[in-house]
Amino acid sequence: MHLHKYCVSHGVRAKTCIWEAYPKTYNQGDKVVHQNVLYEAQTGPIWVTPGSGEHWWKTIGSCN
């Protein structure tokens, strides 16, 4: 199921998807929330877990 939530990070409010494990894949520029942290895909297609490497997922910030 493709879930959405609002994430506020660095003053930006963005509607993002909650990260889903493989077989879901993401493309460069996609933004996801994983463990209450907002990430942006740096390459694609990608299926690795956000937070496993900045070369795959750029950490944007906390979703507080």
Protein backbone atom coordinates (compact mmCIF):
# COMPACT_ATOMS: atom_id res chain seq x y z
CA MET A 1 0.00 0.00 0.00
CA HIS A 2 1.33 3.43 -0.95
CA LEU A 3 0.95 5.62 2.15
CA HIS A 4 1.46 9.36 2.38
CA LYS A 5 2.16 11.77 5.18
CA TYR A 6 3.20 15.37 5.56
CA CYS A 7 6.77 15.98 6.58
CA VAL A 8 8.15 19.33 7.69
CA SER A 9 11.91 19.54 7.36
CA HIS A 10 13.96 22.76 7.32
CA GLY A 11 10.74 24.78 7.06
CA VAL A 12 9.50 22.95 3.96
CA ARG A 13 6.19 21.10 4.13
CA ALA A 14 6.16 18.24 1.66
CA LYS A 15 3.78 15.40 0.96
CA THR A 16 5.99 12.34 0.74
CA CYS A 17 5.59 8.60 0.66
CA ILE A 18 6.57 6.36 3.51
CA TRP A 19 9.44 4.14 2.34
CA GLU A 20 8.44 0.64 1.24
CA ALA A 21 10.82 -2.29 0.95
CA TYR A 22 11.68 -4.14 -2.27
CA PRO A 23 10.01 -4.87 -4.71
CA LYS A 24 9.06 -1.16 -4.51
CA THR A 25 11.69 0.94 -6.31
CA TYR A 26 12.36 4.67 -6.38
CA ASN A 27 13.82 7.05 -8.95
CA GLN A 28 16.29 9.89 -8.59
CA GLY A 29 14.62 12.84 -6.88
CA ASP A 30 11.93 10.78 -5.12
CA LYS A 31 11.43 11.77 -1.48
CA VAL A 32 10.51 9.29 1.22
CA VAL A 33 10.11 9.18 4.97
CA HIS A 34 11.81 6.35 6.88
CA GLN A 35 11.94 6.23 10.68
CA ASN A 36 10.71 9.84 10.85
CA VAL A 37 13.55 11.14 8.64
CA LEU A 38 13.07 12.65 5.17
CA TYR A 39 15.37 11.36 2.40
CA GLU A 40 15.82 12.11 -1.32
CA ALA A 41 16.95 9.43 -3.77
CA GLN A 42 20.29 10.31 -5.39
CA THR A 43 20.09 7.65 -8.11
CA GLY A 44 17.56 5.26 -9.54
CA PRO A 45 16.08 2.86 -9.80
CA ILE A 46 16.88 2.21 -6.16
CA TRP A 47 15.52 -0.21 -3.59
CA VAL A 48 18.02 -0.04 -0.70
CA THR A 49 16.98 1.20 2.75
CA PRO A 50 17.21 4.97 3.32
CA GLY A 51 20.00 5.82 5.73
CA SER A 52 22.28 3.09 4.38
CA GLY A 53 24.46 5.49 2.38
CA GLU A 54 24.38 9.17 1.37
CA HIS A 55 25.35 8.19 -2.19
CA TRP A 56 21.96 6.40 -2.44
CA TRP A 57 19.73 8.51 -0.19
CA LYS A 58 20.50 12.12 0.80
CA THR A 59 19.34 12.88 4.33
CA ILE A 60 17.21 16.03 4.24
CA GLY A 61 16.25 16.11 7.91
CA SER A 62 13.93 15.11 10.69
CA CYS A 63 10.17 15.17 10.13
CA ASN A 64 9.31 17.05 13.30
